[in-house]
Amino acid sequence: LLPLCDKGSENDSITKRQMLMGEFIENLFNNEMVDTIFGLVLIFGVGLFLYGMNWAIFINDLMPGRKWSSMIPPLGGLLISVGILLIGGGWWALIGLTDPCVFAIVLFLIKRPWKTYTAYKKDKDKDNGEDK
């Protein structure tokens, strides 16, 4: 808080107030704890926004006649996981894996080889049937 003016000249009290305010602002912006908290809030805020939007797009895709796609696939879940790891959350960081884009990537990685395998097996069965 700012001290009351002394019985000096008015310019002296303004200078003292400016100096105190300058020190307060300097201490506020040069504080590592404030930087850390601001960084975590920024990471969590962006992560939660992207995470929420990915779920909104996923739910919207389930409605017939509406198709959207996410331009930033699993970034929301990744930022949430990084934020949790930065505060020392440990296993809670796995919450980031519940991003629907992670599910889509895993499904794609399973579905694509399965389609290739079944197509190969059908061709192989067809070739074996023609040889007999």
N, C-alpha and C. Protein backbone atom coordinates (compact mmCIF):
# COMPACT_ATOMS: atom_id res chain seq x y z
N LEU A 1 0.83 -1.17 0.00
CA LEU A 1 0.00 0.00 0.00
C LEU A 1 0.88 1.23 0.00
N LEU A 2 0.34 2.31 -0.53
CA LEU A 2 1.11 3.54 -0.64
C LEU A 2 1.06 4.33 0.67
N PRO A 3 2.20 4.87 1.10
CA PRO A 3 2.20 5.64 2.36
C PRO A 3 1.53 6.99 2.16
N LEU A 4 1.08 7.56 3.26
CA LEU A 4 0.49 8.89 3.21
C LEU A 4 1.57 9.91 2.90
N CYS A 5 1.18 11.03 2.32
CA CYS A 5 2.14 12.07 1.94
C CYS A 5 2.76 12.70 3.18
N ASP A 6 4.05 12.93 3.12
CA ASP A 6 4.72 13.67 4.18
C ASP A 6 4.47 15.15 3.95
N LYS A 7 4.90 15.95 4.91
CA LYS A 7 4.69 17.39 4.77
C LYS A 7 5.77 18.01 3.90
N GLY A 8 6.26 17.28 2.95
CA GLY A 8 7.24 17.82 2.01
C GLY A 8 6.53 18.42 0.82
N SER A 9 7.30 18.69 -0.19
CA SER A 9 6.69 19.26 -1.39
C SER A 9 5.87 18.18 -2.09
N GLU A 10 4.94 18.60 -2.93
CA GLU A 10 4.06 17.66 -3.63
C GLU A 10 4.84 16.79 -4.61
N ASN A 11 5.86 17.32 -5.24
CA ASN A 11 6.66 16.57 -6.20
C ASN A 11 7.42 15.43 -5.52
N ASP A 12 7.84 15.62 -4.27
CA ASP A 12 8.55 14.57 -3.55
C ASP A 12 7.64 13.38 -3.30
N SER A 13 6.38 13.62 -2.91
CA SER A 13 5.47 12.52 -2.61
C SER A 13 5.10 11.76 -3.89
N ILE A 14 4.95 12.44 -5.00
CA ILE A 14 4.65 11.76 -6.26
C ILE A 14 5.83 10.89 -6.66
N THR A 15 7.01 11.37 -6.49
CA THR A 15 8.19 10.59 -6.83
C THR A 15 8.27 9.34 -5.96
N LYS A 16 7.98 9.46 -4.67
CA LYS A 16 8.00 8.31 -3.78
C LYS A 16 6.94 7.30 -4.19
N ARG A 17 5.76 7.78 -4.52
CA ARG A 17 4.68 6.88 -4.95
C ARG A 17 5.05 6.17 -6.25
N GLN A 18 5.61 6.90 -7.18
CA GLN A 18 6.01 6.30 -8.45
C GLN A 18 7.08 5.26 -8.21
N MET A 19 8.02 5.53 -7.31
CA MET A 19 9.07 4.56 -7.02
C MET A 19 8.49 3.30 -6.39
N LEU A 20 7.56 3.49 -5.42
CA LEU A 20 6.95 2.33 -4.79
C LEU A 20 6.14 1.51 -5.79
N MET A 21 5.40 2.20 -6.65
CA MET A 21 4.61 1.49 -7.67
C MET A 21 5.53 0.78 -8.65
N GLY A 22 6.62 1.44 -9.02
CA GLY A 22 7.57 0.81 -9.93
C GLY A 22 8.19 -0.44 -9.32
N GLU A 23 8.53 -0.39 -8.03
CA GLU A 23 9.07 -1.56 -7.34
C GLU A 23 8.04 -2.68 -7.27
N PHE A 24 6.79 -2.32 -6.99
CA PHE A 24 5.73 -3.33 -6.92
C PHE A 24 5.57 -4.04 -8.27
N ILE A 25 5.51 -3.26 -9.34
CA ILE A 25 5.34 -3.85 -10.68
C ILE A 25 6.57 -4.68 -11.06
N GLU A 26 7.74 -4.19 -10.73
CA GLU A 26 8.96 -4.93 -11.04
C GLU A 26 8.98 -6.26 -10.29
N ASN A 27 8.62 -6.25 -9.01
CA ASN A 27 8.58 -7.49 -8.23
C ASN A 27 7.51 -8.44 -8.74
N LEU A 28 6.40 -7.89 -9.20
CA LEU A 28 5.31 -8.73 -9.70
C LEU A 28 5.73 -9.47 -10.97
N PHE A 29 6.37 -8.76 -11.90
CA PHE A 29 6.70 -9.37 -13.18
C PHE A 29 8.04 -10.10 -13.18
N ASN A 30 8.83 -9.95 -12.15
CA ASN A 30 10.10 -10.67 -12.06
C ASN A 30 10.02 -11.81 -11.05
N ASN A 31 8.83 -12.21 -10.71
CA ASN A 31 8.62 -13.27 -9.73
C ASN A 31 8.47 -14.60 -10.48
N GLU A 32 9.27 -15.58 -10.12
CA GLU A 32 9.23 -16.88 -10.80
C GLU A 32 7.92 -17.61 -10.53
N MET A 33 7.36 -17.44 -9.35
CA MET A 33 6.11 -18.11 -9.02
C MET A 33 4.97 -17.59 -9.90
N VAL A 34 4.92 -16.30 -10.12
CA VAL A 34 3.88 -15.71 -10.98
C VAL A 34 4.06 -16.21 -12.40
N ASP A 35 5.31 -16.30 -12.88
CA ASP A 35 5.56 -16.81 -14.22
C ASP A 35 5.11 -18.26 -14.35
N THR A 36 5.39 -19.06 -13.34
CA THR A 36 5.01 -20.46 -13.37
C THR A 36 3.49 -20.61 -13.37
N ILE A 37 2.82 -19.88 -12.51
CA ILE A 37 1.35 -19.97 -12.44
C ILE A 37 0.73 -19.49 -13.74
N PHE A 38 1.24 -18.39 -14.29
CA PHE A 38 0.71 -17.88 -15.55
C PHE A 38 0.92 -18.89 -16.67
N GLY A 39 2.09 -19.52 -16.72
CA GLY A 39 2.37 -20.53 -17.74
C GLY A 39 1.44 -21.72 -17.63
N LEU A 40 1.22 -22.19 -16.39
CA LEU A 40 0.32 -23.33 -16.21
C LEU A 40 -1.11 -22.99 -16.58
N VAL A 41 -1.57 -21.80 -16.20
CA VAL A 41 -2.93 -21.38 -16.56
C VAL A 41 -3.06 -21.28 -18.08
N LEU A 42 -2.04 -20.77 -18.74
CA LEU A 42 -2.06 -20.67 -20.19
C LEU A 42 -2.09 -22.05 -20.84
N ILE A 43 -1.23 -22.96 -20.37
CA ILE A 43 -1.20 -24.32 -20.93
C ILE A 43 -2.54 -25.02 -20.71
N PHE A 44 -3.03 -24.98 -19.46
CA PHE A 44 -4.32 -25.63 -19.17
C PHE A 44 -5.46 -24.97 -19.93
N GLY A 45 -5.46 -23.65 -20.03
CA GLY A 45 -6.54 -22.95 -20.71
C GLY A 45 -6.63 -23.32 -22.18
N VAL A 46 -5.50 -23.26 -22.87
CA VAL A 46 -5.48 -23.63 -24.29
C VAL A 46 -5.81 -25.11 -24.45
N GLY A 47 -5.24 -25.94 -23.58
CA GLY A 47 -5.49 -27.38 -23.66
C GLY A 47 -6.96 -27.72 -23.44
N LEU A 48 -7.58 -27.10 -22.43
CA LEU A 48 -8.99 -27.37 -22.17
C LEU A 48 -9.89 -26.87 -23.30
N PHE A 49 -9.52 -25.73 -23.89
CA PHE A 49 -10.31 -25.22 -25.02
C PHE A 49 -10.25 -26.19 -26.19
N LEU A 50 -9.04 -26.62 -26.57
CA LEU A 50 -8.91 -27.54 -27.69
C LEU A 50 -9.55 -28.89 -27.38
N TYR A 51 -9.39 -29.36 -26.14
CA TYR A 51 -9.99 -30.62 -25.72
C TYR A 51 -11.51 -30.55 -25.83
N GLY A 52 -12.09 -29.46 -25.33
CA GLY A 52 -13.54 -29.29 -25.42
C GLY A 52 -14.03 -29.19 -26.85
N MET A 53 -13.30 -28.47 -27.68
CA MET A 53 -13.70 -28.34 -29.09
C MET A 53 -13.59 -29.67 -29.82
N ASN A 54 -12.58 -30.48 -29.51
CA ASN A 54 -12.46 -31.79 -30.13
C ASN A 54 -13.64 -32.68 -29.75
N TRP A 55 -14.07 -32.61 -28.47
CA TRP A 55 -15.24 -33.39 -28.08
C TRP A 55 -16.50 -32.87 -28.74
N ALA A 56 -16.62 -31.54 -28.89
CA ALA A 56 -17.79 -30.97 -29.56
C ALA A 56 -17.85 -31.43 -31.02
N ILE A 57 -16.70 -31.44 -31.69
CA ILE A 57 -16.66 -31.91 -33.08
C ILE A 57 -16.99 -33.40 -33.15
N PHE A 58 -16.48 -34.17 -32.19
CA PHE A 58 -16.76 -35.61 -32.17
C PHE A 58 -18.25 -35.88 -31.99
N ILE A 59 -18.88 -35.17 -31.07
CA ILE A 59 -20.32 -35.35 -30.83
C ILE A 59 -21.11 -34.87 -32.04
N ASN A 60 -20.66 -33.79 -32.67
CA ASN A 60 -21.34 -33.28 -33.86
C ASN A 60 -21.24 -34.27 -35.02
N ASP A 61 -20.12 -34.99 -35.11
CA ASP A 61 -19.96 -36.00 -36.17
C ASP A 61 -20.92 -37.17 -35.99
N LEU A 62 -21.35 -37.42 -34.77
CA LEU A 62 -22.28 -38.52 -34.54
C LEU A 62 -23.68 -38.21 -35.04
N MET A 63 -24.00 -36.94 -35.21
CA MET A 63 -25.31 -36.55 -35.73
C MET A 63 -25.34 -36.78 -37.24
N PRO A 64 -26.42 -37.34 -37.74
CA PRO A 64 -26.48 -37.61 -39.18
C PRO A 64 -26.50 -36.32 -40.00
N GLY A 65 -25.78 -36.34 -41.09
CA GLY A 65 -25.75 -35.21 -42.01
C GLY A 65 -24.74 -34.13 -41.67
N ARG A 66 -24.02 -34.25 -40.59
CA ARG A 66 -23.03 -33.25 -40.21
C ARG A 66 -21.66 -33.90 -40.12
N LYS A 67 -20.72 -33.38 -40.84
CA LYS A 67 -19.35 -33.89 -40.78
C LYS A 67 -18.39 -32.73 -40.65
N TRP A 68 -17.54 -32.78 -39.63
CA TRP A 68 -16.52 -31.79 -39.38
C TRP A 68 -15.21 -32.54 -39.14
N SER A 69 -14.15 -31.82 -39.12
CA SER A 69 -12.88 -32.44 -38.74
C SER A 69 -12.07 -31.45 -37.91
N SER A 70 -11.26 -31.99 -37.04
CA SER A 70 -10.43 -31.17 -36.17
C SER A 70 -9.11 -30.90 -36.88
N MET A 71 -8.70 -29.64 -36.90
CA MET A 71 -7.45 -29.29 -37.55
C MET A 71 -6.25 -29.51 -36.63
N ILE A 72 -6.48 -29.66 -35.34
CA ILE A 72 -5.40 -29.85 -34.39
C ILE A 72 -5.70 -31.14 -33.63
N PRO A 73 -5.39 -32.29 -34.19
CA PRO A 73 -5.89 -33.53 -33.62
C PRO A 73 -5.73 -33.71 -32.11
N PRO A 74 -4.66 -34.26 -31.58
CA PRO A 74 -4.66 -34.54 -30.14
C PRO A 74 -3.95 -33.48 -29.31
N LEU A 75 -3.87 -32.26 -29.79
CA LEU A 75 -3.09 -31.24 -29.10
C LEU A 75 -3.72 -30.84 -27.76
N GLY A 76 -5.03 -30.83 -27.66
CA GLY A 76 -5.68 -30.49 -26.39
C GLY A 76 -5.34 -31.48 -25.29
N GLY A 77 -5.43 -32.75 -25.60
CA GLY A 77 -5.07 -33.78 -24.62
C GLY A 77 -3.60 -33.74 -24.27
N LEU A 78 -2.78 -33.44 -25.26
CA LEU A 78 -1.33 -33.35 -25.01
C LEU A 78 -1.02 -32.19 -24.06
N LEU A 79 -1.63 -31.04 -24.28
CA LEU A 79 -1.39 -29.89 -23.41
C LEU A 79 -1.90 -30.13 -22.00
N ILE A 80 -3.03 -30.81 -21.87
CA ILE A 80 -3.54 -31.14 -20.55
C ILE A 80 -2.57 -32.09 -19.85
N SER A 81 -2.05 -33.08 -20.56
CA SER A 81 -1.09 -34.01 -19.97
C SER A 81 0.19 -33.30 -19.54
N VAL A 82 0.69 -32.41 -20.39
CA VAL A 82 1.91 -31.66 -20.05
C VAL A 82 1.67 -30.79 -18.82
N GLY A 83 0.53 -30.13 -18.76
CA GLY A 83 0.21 -29.31 -17.59
C GLY A 83 0.14 -30.13 -16.32
N ILE A 84 -0.48 -31.29 -16.39
CA ILE A 84 -0.58 -32.15 -15.20
C ILE A 84 0.79 -32.64 -14.79
N LEU A 85 1.63 -32.99 -15.77
CA LEU A 85 2.99 -33.43 -15.43
C LEU A 85 3.82 -32.30 -14.83
N LEU A 86 3.60 -31.07 -15.27
CA LEU A 86 4.35 -29.94 -14.73
C LEU A 86 4.01 -29.65 -13.26
N ILE A 87 2.77 -29.94 -12.86
CA ILE A 87 2.42 -29.72 -11.46
C ILE A 87 2.66 -30.97 -10.63
N GLY A 88 3.20 -32.01 -11.24
CA GLY A 88 3.54 -33.22 -10.49
C GLY A 88 2.37 -34.17 -10.31
N GLY A 89 1.49 -34.25 -11.27
CA GLY A 89 0.30 -35.09 -11.18
C GLY A 89 0.54 -36.55 -11.43
N GLY A 90 1.65 -36.90 -12.05
CA GLY A 90 1.98 -38.30 -12.29
C GLY A 90 0.98 -39.00 -13.21
N TRP A 91 0.33 -40.04 -12.67
CA TRP A 91 -0.58 -40.87 -13.48
C TRP A 91 -1.82 -40.11 -13.93
N TRP A 92 -2.13 -38.99 -13.31
CA TRP A 92 -3.29 -38.21 -13.73
C TRP A 92 -3.09 -37.65 -15.14
N ALA A 93 -1.86 -37.64 -15.61
CA ALA A 93 -1.60 -37.13 -16.95
C ALA A 93 -2.24 -38.01 -18.03
N LEU A 94 -2.62 -39.21 -17.67
CA LEU A 94 -3.29 -40.09 -18.64
C LEU A 94 -4.68 -39.58 -19.02
N ILE A 95 -5.18 -38.58 -18.29
CA ILE A 95 -6.46 -37.96 -18.65
C ILE A 95 -6.39 -37.40 -20.07
N GLY A 96 -5.22 -36.95 -20.48
CA GLY A 96 -5.05 -36.41 -21.83
C GLY A 96 -5.32 -37.42 -22.92
N LEU A 97 -5.23 -38.70 -22.58
CA LEU A 97 -5.50 -39.74 -23.59
C LEU A 97 -6.98 -39.89 -23.89
N THR A 98 -7.84 -39.22 -23.13
CA THR A 98 -9.28 -39.31 -23.39
C THR A 98 -9.72 -38.33 -24.48
N ASP A 99 -8.78 -37.63 -25.08
CA ASP A 99 -9.10 -36.76 -26.21
C ASP A 99 -9.63 -37.64 -27.35
N PRO A 100 -10.76 -37.30 -27.95
CA PRO A 100 -11.33 -38.17 -28.99
C PRO A 100 -10.41 -38.35 -30.19
N CYS A 101 -9.52 -37.42 -30.43
CA CYS A 101 -8.60 -37.58 -31.56
C CYS A 101 -7.60 -38.70 -31.30
N VAL A 102 -7.27 -38.94 -30.05
CA VAL A 102 -6.39 -40.07 -29.73
C VAL A 102 -7.11 -41.36 -30.08
N PHE A 103 -8.41 -41.44 -29.75
CA PHE A 103 -9.19 -42.62 -30.12
C PHE A 103 -9.21 -42.81 -31.64
N ALA A 104 -9.37 -41.71 -32.36
CA ALA A 104 -9.42 -41.80 -33.82
C ALA A 104 -8.09 -42.29 -34.39
N ILE A 105 -6.99 -41.82 -33.84
CA ILE A 105 -5.67 -42.26 -34.32
C ILE A 105 -5.47 -43.74 -34.03
N VAL A 106 -5.82 -44.19 -32.82
CA VAL A 106 -5.68 -45.61 -32.48
C VAL A 106 -6.59 -46.46 -33.38
N LEU A 107 -7.81 -46.02 -33.59
CA LEU A 107 -8.73 -46.75 -34.47
C LEU A 107 -8.18 -46.83 -35.89
N PHE A 108 -7.61 -45.73 -36.38
CA PHE A 108 -7.03 -45.73 -37.72
C PHE A 108 -5.86 -46.71 -37.80
N LEU A 109 -5.02 -46.71 -36.76
CA LEU A 109 -3.86 -47.60 -36.77
C LEU A 109 -4.25 -49.07 -36.69
N ILE A 110 -5.41 -49.37 -36.10
CA ILE A 110 -5.88 -50.76 -36.03
C ILE A 110 -6.66 -51.12 -37.29
N LYS A 111 -7.50 -50.21 -37.75
CA LYS A 111 -8.42 -50.48 -38.86
C LYS A 111 -7.68 -50.65 -40.19
N ARG A 112 -6.69 -49.80 -40.44
CA ARG A 112 -6.00 -49.83 -41.72
C ARG A 112 -5.28 -51.17 -41.96
N PRO A 113 -4.44 -51.65 -41.03
CA PRO A 113 -3.81 -52.96 -41.27
C PRO A 113 -4.82 -54.09 -41.34
N TRP A 114 -5.93 -53.98 -40.59
CA TRP A 114 -6.95 -55.03 -40.63
C TRP A 114 -7.59 -55.10 -42.01
N LYS A 115 -7.88 -53.93 -42.60
CA LYS A 115 -8.44 -53.93 -43.96
C LYS A 115 -7.45 -54.53 -44.96
N THR A 116 -6.19 -54.18 -44.83
CA THR A 116 -5.16 -54.71 -45.72
C THR A 116 -5.05 -56.22 -45.57
N TYR A 117 -5.08 -56.70 -44.31
CA TYR A 117 -4.98 -58.13 -44.05
C TYR A 117 -6.18 -58.87 -44.61
N THR A 118 -7.40 -58.36 -44.39
CA THR A 118 -8.59 -59.06 -44.89
C THR A 118 -8.63 -59.04 -46.42
N ALA A 119 -8.21 -57.93 -47.04
CA ALA A 119 -8.17 -57.88 -48.50
C ALA A 119 -7.15 -58.87 -49.04
N TYR A 120 -5.99 -58.98 -48.38
CA TYR A 120 -4.97 -59.94 -48.78
C TYR A 120 -5.48 -61.36 -48.62
N LYS A 121 -6.18 -61.63 -47.52
CA LYS A 121 -6.70 -62.97 -47.27
C LYS A 121 -7.77 -63.34 -48.29
N LYS A 122 -8.65 -62.38 -48.67
CA LYS A 122 -9.67 -62.65 -49.68
C LYS A 122 -9.02 -62.96 -51.02
N ASP A 123 -8.00 -62.19 -51.39
CA ASP A 123 -7.31 -62.45 -52.66
C ASP A 123 -6.62 -63.81 -52.63
N LYS A 124 -6.04 -64.15 -51.50
CA LYS A 124 -5.36 -65.44 -51.37
C LYS A 124 -6.36 -66.58 -51.46
N ASP A 125 -7.53 -66.43 -50.78
CA ASP A 125 -8.56 -67.46 -50.84
C ASP A 125 -9.13 -67.57 -52.26
N LYS A 126 -9.27 -66.44 -52.94
CA LYS A 126 -9.79 -66.46 -54.31
C LYS A 126 -8.80 -67.17 -55.23
N ASP A 127 -7.51 -66.90 -55.07
CA ASP A 127 -6.48 -67.57 -55.88
C ASP A 127 -6.44 -69.06 -55.61
N ASN A 128 -6.59 -69.47 -54.36
CA ASN A 128 -6.60 -70.88 -54.01
C ASN A 128 -7.84 -71.58 -54.56
N GLY A 129 -8.96 -70.91 -54.62
CA GLY A 129 -10.20 -71.48 -55.14
C GLY A 129 -10.14 -71.66 -56.65
N GLU A 130 -9.43 -70.78 -57.38
CA GLU A 130 -9.33 -70.89 -58.82
C GLU A 130 -8.38 -71.98 -59.25
N ASP A 131 -7.38 -72.28 -58.40
CA ASP A 131 -6.39 -73.29 -58.74
C ASP A 131 -6.98 -74.70 -58.70
N LYS A 132 -8.01 -74.94 -57.91
CA LYS A 132 -8.54 -76.28 -57.75
C LYS A 132 -9.35 -76.69 -58.89
